[in-house]
Amino acid sequence: MKASVGGYARARDLRHALELLSVAGEAGRVLAGGQSLVAALNMRLTAGDILVDISALGACRGVDDAGDSLRIGALTRHVEIAEDPLVRAHAPMLAEAVGLIAHAAIRNRGTIGGAIAHADPAAEFPACALALGAEFEVESLSGPRTIPAAAFFRDTFETALAPGEILTAVIVPKAAEAEAQVIEEVARRCGDYALAGLCLTRRAGRHRLALFSLGPRPMLAERAMAALDAGDMAGAAAALKAEIDPPSDTQASAAYRRHLAGVLLRRAAARIEGGAA
C-alpha cells in the first residue's frame, strides 16, 4: 500500500517551518525522522496530509549542557542519544532506553522529538521523559512555551501540542548525586513493542515510576511510588497492579500485562538497590 499525501515542503529554518504549518492548517504534519509517520501514511491510517519536513533544522539537533539540566534538540536521533557522553553521565535512562527501541535502522533515523510528539503509549522515550520530570520546549508563530511531561501526554497518540506548534527540545534535569535510573520492559521478540514496561528513578529517597504499554498513555503510578518511598516493596507491587487498567489485545491479555508490571517493578527495584535483576 502506498502513502497518500496532500503535499510536501522542506523547511529552511524553524520560522519557515512554522509558516508552512500555518498555511497547511489542520492538514499540516511535521516530518522529522519519519519512522512513525511514514509507516502510518503507508498503512493509510492518515491521508491527505501536507508534510512539513524539518529534518534540515540543525538548531533542533544535539545535546547541550544547560547547567542543572540537559537540553536535547528534538531532532537528535536515537543513536546519538545512546552515544552522547552528557546523556550517559546525566540521564543514563535515556541512553539505556535506546537499546530497547525497535531495530538499528530505526534507531539511526528516528528522533527523540518525533517519538515524544507521536505519543505512542508503547514507546520508551515518552515514559522516560515522564519518569525524569522532563519539560518540552515548543514553538509557534505566537512564540515559545514550555510544557511539563506530566501535562503533555493526553491519550493514545494525543498530546498538548496545539495546531501550528513544533516540539523543538527536551529539557531533562541532570541526575542528582547517587540518583538511580532504570528502565525495564518485556517484549515477545527483540525489536517488538513492549508488552509492558516501566521507568523507575530514585532521587534522595523519593521514587518516580512511569509506565508504558499499560494504558492509553504513559502514566505515573502514584500509589506505587508512595509505597516505594516508604520502603514497602510488597505494597508497591500490590498498589501498581491495582492502579493500572492495561488493555487486552492479540499480543497479551490485561491480566498478563498486570502480572508483568509487578514482575518488572521488582526487577527494577532490585537493580536500583544493587541486587540481581
Protein backbone atom coordinates (compact mmCIF):
# COMPACT_ATOMS: atom_id res chain seq x y z
CA MET A 1 0.00 0.00 0.00
CA LYS A 2 1.30 3.48 -0.90
CA ALA A 3 1.08 6.65 1.14
CA SER A 4 -1.48 9.29 0.20
CA VAL A 5 -0.29 12.82 0.96
CA GLY A 6 -1.61 16.22 0.01
CA GLY A 7 1.77 17.87 -0.37
CA TYR A 8 5.35 18.11 0.82
CA ALA A 9 7.59 21.06 1.73
CA ARG A 10 11.09 21.11 3.17
CA ALA A 11 11.62 23.85 5.75
CA ARG A 12 14.74 26.02 5.57
CA ASP A 13 14.63 27.02 9.22
CA LEU A 14 12.26 26.97 12.19
CA ARG A 15 10.44 30.15 11.20
CA HIS A 16 9.88 28.77 7.69
CA ALA A 17 8.56 25.51 9.16
CA LEU A 18 6.09 27.37 11.36
CA GLU A 19 4.88 29.45 8.42
CA LEU A 20 4.38 26.31 6.32
CA LEU A 21 2.36 24.71 9.11
CA SER A 22 0.26 27.83 9.43
CA VAL A 23 -0.59 27.74 5.73
CA ALA A 24 -1.35 23.99 5.86
CA GLY A 25 -3.77 24.41 8.76
CA GLU A 26 -5.20 21.22 10.22
CA ALA A 27 -3.74 19.18 7.34
CA GLY A 28 -0.15 20.07 8.32
CA ARG A 29 2.02 17.28 9.73
CA VAL A 30 5.61 17.62 10.89
CA LEU A 31 8.03 15.14 9.32
CA ALA A 32 11.27 14.55 11.24
CA GLY A 33 12.83 11.07 11.16
CA GLY A 34 9.65 9.67 9.62
CA GLN A 35 9.87 6.30 11.39
CA SER A 36 6.32 6.56 12.78
CA LEU A 37 4.62 9.00 10.42
CA VAL A 38 5.68 7.33 7.17
CA ALA A 39 4.53 3.93 8.46
CA ALA A 40 1.14 5.43 9.30
CA LEU A 41 0.92 7.01 5.86
CA ASN A 42 1.82 3.75 4.14
CA MET A 43 -0.92 1.93 6.05
CA ARG A 44 -3.40 4.69 5.15
CA LEU A 45 -4.00 5.38 8.82
CA THR A 46 -3.73 9.02 7.80
CA ALA A 47 -4.13 10.50 4.34
CA GLY A 48 -4.14 13.87 2.59
CA ASP A 49 -1.63 15.38 4.99
CA ILE A 50 0.69 18.19 3.98
CA LEU A 51 4.10 17.15 5.21
CA VAL A 52 6.43 19.83 6.56
CA ASP A 53 9.93 18.32 6.60
CA ILE A 54 12.03 19.77 9.45
CA SER A 55 14.92 17.33 9.15
CA ALA A 56 17.30 20.08 7.96
CA LEU A 57 16.82 22.24 11.06
CA GLY A 58 20.26 21.94 12.62
CA ALA A 59 19.29 24.23 15.51
CA CYS A 60 16.95 21.48 16.74
CA ARG A 61 19.67 18.83 16.91
CA GLY A 62 22.26 17.95 19.54
CA VAL A 63 22.71 17.81 23.31
CA ASP A 64 23.77 20.87 25.31
CA ASP A 65 24.71 21.33 28.96
CA ALA A 66 22.25 23.87 30.40
CA GLY A 67 23.55 23.94 33.97
CA ASP A 68 21.15 21.89 36.09
CA SER A 69 19.66 20.23 33.02
CA LEU A 70 20.37 18.90 29.54
CA ARG A 71 18.77 20.50 26.53
CA ILE A 72 18.26 17.82 23.88
CA GLY A 73 17.22 19.04 20.45
CA ALA A 74 14.07 17.36 19.18
CA LEU A 75 15.83 16.20 16.01
CA THR A 76 18.56 14.36 17.91
CA ARG A 77 18.48 10.79 16.65
CA HIS A 78 18.11 7.78 18.92
CA VAL A 79 21.60 6.54 18.15
CA GLU A 80 23.03 9.95 19.04
CA ILE A 81 21.22 9.84 22.39
CA ALA A 82 22.81 6.47 23.16
CA GLU A 83 26.31 7.65 22.33
CA ASP A 84 26.28 11.16 23.80
CA PRO A 85 28.57 11.47 26.86
CA LEU A 86 26.37 14.11 28.51
CA VAL A 87 23.32 11.86 28.27
CA ARG A 88 25.22 8.84 29.52
CA ALA A 89 26.53 10.82 32.51
CA HIS A 90 23.45 12.82 33.48
CA ALA A 91 20.40 10.98 32.06
CA PRO A 92 21.51 7.35 31.73
CA MET A 93 17.93 6.08 31.47
CA LEU A 94 17.63 7.68 28.03
CA ALA A 95 20.81 6.01 26.82
CA GLU A 96 19.65 2.63 28.13
CA ALA A 97 16.24 3.06 26.52
CA VAL A 98 17.74 3.35 23.05
CA GLY A 99 18.84 -0.28 23.14
CA LEU A 100 15.20 -1.30 23.61
CA ILE A 101 13.81 0.72 20.71
CA ALA A 102 12.97 -1.32 17.61
CA HIS A 103 15.95 -2.10 15.35
CA ALA A 104 19.20 -0.42 14.34
CA ALA A 105 17.76 1.05 11.13
CA ILE A 106 15.00 2.80 13.06
CA ARG A 107 17.38 3.96 15.80
CA ASN A 108 19.58 5.52 13.11
CA ARG A 109 16.68 7.57 11.68
CA GLY A 110 14.20 8.09 14.50
CA THR A 111 14.36 11.24 16.63
CA ILE A 112 13.59 11.80 20.28
CA GLY A 113 11.21 14.64 19.45
CA GLY A 114 9.38 12.52 16.90
CA ALA A 115 8.93 9.69 19.40
CA ILE A 116 7.61 12.05 22.06
CA ALA A 117 5.30 14.03 19.76
CA HIS A 118 3.92 10.79 18.27
CA ALA A 119 2.95 9.72 21.82
CA ASP A 120 2.68 6.01 21.18
CA PRO A 121 1.67 4.51 24.56
CA ALA A 122 4.07 1.60 23.94
CA ALA A 123 7.11 3.81 23.23
CA GLU A 124 10.02 4.13 25.63
CA PHE A 125 11.01 7.81 25.38
CA PRO A 126 7.66 9.32 26.48
CA ALA A 127 7.72 7.24 29.67
CA CYS A 128 11.38 8.11 30.24
CA ALA A 129 10.58 11.80 29.96
CA LEU A 130 7.76 11.41 32.48
CA ALA A 131 9.93 9.50 34.96
CA LEU A 132 12.75 12.02 34.67
CA GLY A 133 10.49 15.03 35.15
CA ALA A 134 11.36 16.45 31.74
CA GLU A 135 9.86 19.50 30.09
CA PHE A 136 9.28 20.16 26.39
CA GLU A 137 10.04 23.38 24.56
CA VAL A 138 7.57 24.07 21.76
CA GLU A 139 7.41 26.90 19.24
CA SER A 140 4.63 28.51 17.22
CA LEU A 141 4.24 31.76 15.33
CA SER A 142 2.82 33.15 18.59
CA GLY A 143 6.07 32.40 20.40
CA PRO A 144 7.61 29.71 22.62
CA ARG A 145 6.16 27.87 25.58
CA THR A 146 7.25 25.05 27.87
CA ILE A 147 5.07 22.03 28.70
CA PRO A 148 5.89 19.64 31.58
CA ALA A 149 5.91 16.00 30.55
CA ALA A 150 3.20 15.32 33.15
CA ALA A 151 0.83 17.63 31.23
CA PHE A 152 1.91 16.71 27.72
CA PHE A 153 0.53 13.20 27.11
CA ARG A 154 -3.27 13.14 26.99
CA ASP A 155 -4.35 9.93 25.25
CA THR A 156 -3.23 7.46 22.61
CA PHE A 157 -1.30 9.48 20.01
CA GLU A 158 -2.70 12.67 21.56
CA THR A 159 -0.63 15.42 23.19
CA ALA A 160 -0.92 19.00 24.41
CA LEU A 161 0.68 20.29 21.19
CA ALA A 162 -1.63 22.82 19.57
CA PRO A 163 -2.06 23.13 15.79
CA GLY A 164 0.87 25.01 14.34
CA GLU A 165 3.24 24.13 17.18
CA ILE A 166 6.52 22.24 16.81
CA LEU A 167 8.35 20.43 19.60
CA THR A 168 11.89 21.82 19.46
CA ALA A 169 13.71 20.49 22.55
CA VAL A 170 13.50 18.19 25.54
CA ILE A 171 14.77 19.62 28.85
CA VAL A 172 15.90 16.88 31.22
CA PRO A 173 17.05 17.59 34.80
CA LYS A 174 20.51 16.23 35.45
CA ALA A 175 20.67 13.22 37.72
CA ALA A 176 21.43 14.14 41.34
CA GLU A 177 24.32 12.61 43.23
CA ALA A 178 23.61 8.91 43.90
CA GLU A 179 20.42 9.06 41.80
CA ALA A 180 19.45 5.73 40.23
CA GLN A 181 17.62 5.39 36.90
CA VAL A 182 16.49 2.14 35.26
CA ILE A 183 14.13 1.06 32.51
CA GLU A 184 12.66 -2.42 32.18
CA GLU A 185 10.35 -3.98 29.61
CA VAL A 186 9.16 -7.32 28.26
CA ALA A 187 8.65 -7.90 24.53
CA ARG A 188 7.92 -11.07 22.60
CA ARG A 189 10.89 -10.59 20.29
CA CYS A 190 13.83 -8.24 20.10
CA GLY A 191 12.62 -5.10 18.33
CA ASP A 192 8.93 -5.63 19.10
CA TYR A 193 6.90 -3.10 21.06
CA ALA A 194 6.88 -3.89 24.75
CA LEU A 195 4.02 -5.90 26.21
CA ALA A 196 4.69 -3.98 29.42
CA GLY A 197 7.37 -1.56 30.53
CA LEU A 198 8.33 0.85 33.26
CA CYS A 199 10.88 3.52 34.09
CA LEU A 200 11.98 3.96 37.70
CA THR A 201 14.11 6.67 39.30
CA ARG A 202 15.18 7.19 42.90
CA ARG A 203 16.44 10.61 43.96
CA ALA A 204 17.08 11.46 47.62
CA GLY A 205 14.91 8.55 48.71
CA ARG A 206 11.95 9.57 46.52
CA HIS A 207 10.79 7.48 43.59
CA ARG A 208 9.19 8.25 40.23
CA LEU A 209 7.62 5.32 38.40
CA ALA A 210 6.37 5.79 34.84
CA LEU A 211 4.61 3.04 32.90
CA PHE A 212 4.30 2.30 29.19
CA SER A 213 2.30 -0.28 27.22
CA LEU A 214 0.00 -0.50 30.23
CA GLY A 215 -2.62 2.07 29.26
CA PRO A 216 -3.58 4.66 26.63
CA ARG A 217 -0.66 6.93 27.54
CA PRO A 218 2.46 6.91 29.72
CA MET A 219 1.44 7.43 33.33
CA LEU A 220 2.92 7.85 36.79
CA ALA A 221 2.00 5.13 39.28
CA GLU A 222 1.41 7.45 42.23
CA ARG A 223 0.33 4.89 44.83
CA ALA A 224 3.16 2.52 43.97
CA MET A 225 5.59 5.44 44.21
CA ALA A 226 4.35 6.28 47.72
CA ALA A 227 4.82 2.67 48.82
CA LEU A 228 8.33 2.59 47.39
CA ASP A 229 9.15 5.80 49.26
CA ALA A 230 8.00 4.06 52.45
CA GLY A 231 10.21 1.04 51.72
CA ASP A 232 7.22 -1.27 51.19
CA MET A 233 8.06 -3.35 48.11
CA ALA A 234 5.13 -5.74 48.53
CA GLY A 235 2.76 -2.82 49.00
CA ALA A 236 4.20 -1.11 45.91
CA ALA A 237 3.62 -4.19 43.77
CA ALA A 238 0.06 -4.56 45.04
CA ALA A 239 -0.65 -0.86 44.52
CA LEU A 240 0.74 -0.96 41.00
CA LYS A 241 -1.45 -3.87 39.97
CA ALA A 242 -4.50 -2.14 41.44
CA GLU A 243 -3.99 1.27 39.85
CA ILE A 244 -3.44 0.18 36.25
CA ASP A 245 -6.04 -0.84 33.69
CA PRO A 246 -3.99 -2.43 30.90
CA PRO A 247 -5.51 -3.36 27.55
CA SER A 248 -6.08 -6.82 26.17
CA ASP A 249 -5.12 -7.46 22.56
CA THR A 250 -3.75 -10.16 20.29
CA GLN A 251 -0.34 -9.87 21.97
CA ALA A 252 -1.29 -10.17 25.64
CA SER A 253 -4.27 -10.15 27.96
CA ALA A 254 -4.86 -7.46 30.55
CA ALA A 255 -4.24 -9.99 33.31
CA TYR A 256 -0.89 -10.97 31.82
CA ARG A 257 0.17 -7.33 31.45
CA ARG A 258 -0.80 -6.67 35.07
CA HIS A 259 1.32 -9.63 36.14
CA LEU A 260 4.24 -8.40 34.05
CA ALA A 261 4.02 -4.96 35.65
CA GLY A 262 4.59 -6.48 39.07
CA VAL A 263 7.50 -8.58 37.83
CA LEU A 264 9.13 -5.58 36.17
CA LEU A 265 8.69 -3.41 39.25
CA ARG A 266 10.50 -5.95 41.42
CA ARG A 267 13.21 -6.29 38.80
CA ALA A 268 13.70 -2.52 38.54
CA ALA A 269 13.72 -2.08 42.31
CA ALA A 270 16.31 -4.82 42.66
CA ARG A 271 18.53 -3.10 40.12
CA ILE A 272 18.25 0.20 41.95
CA GLU A 273 19.16 -1.48 45.23
CA GLY A 274 22.11 -3.14 43.55
CA GLY A 275 20.64 -6.62 43.67
CA ALA A 276 20.20 -9.16 40.90
CA ALA A 277 17.80 -8.26 38.11
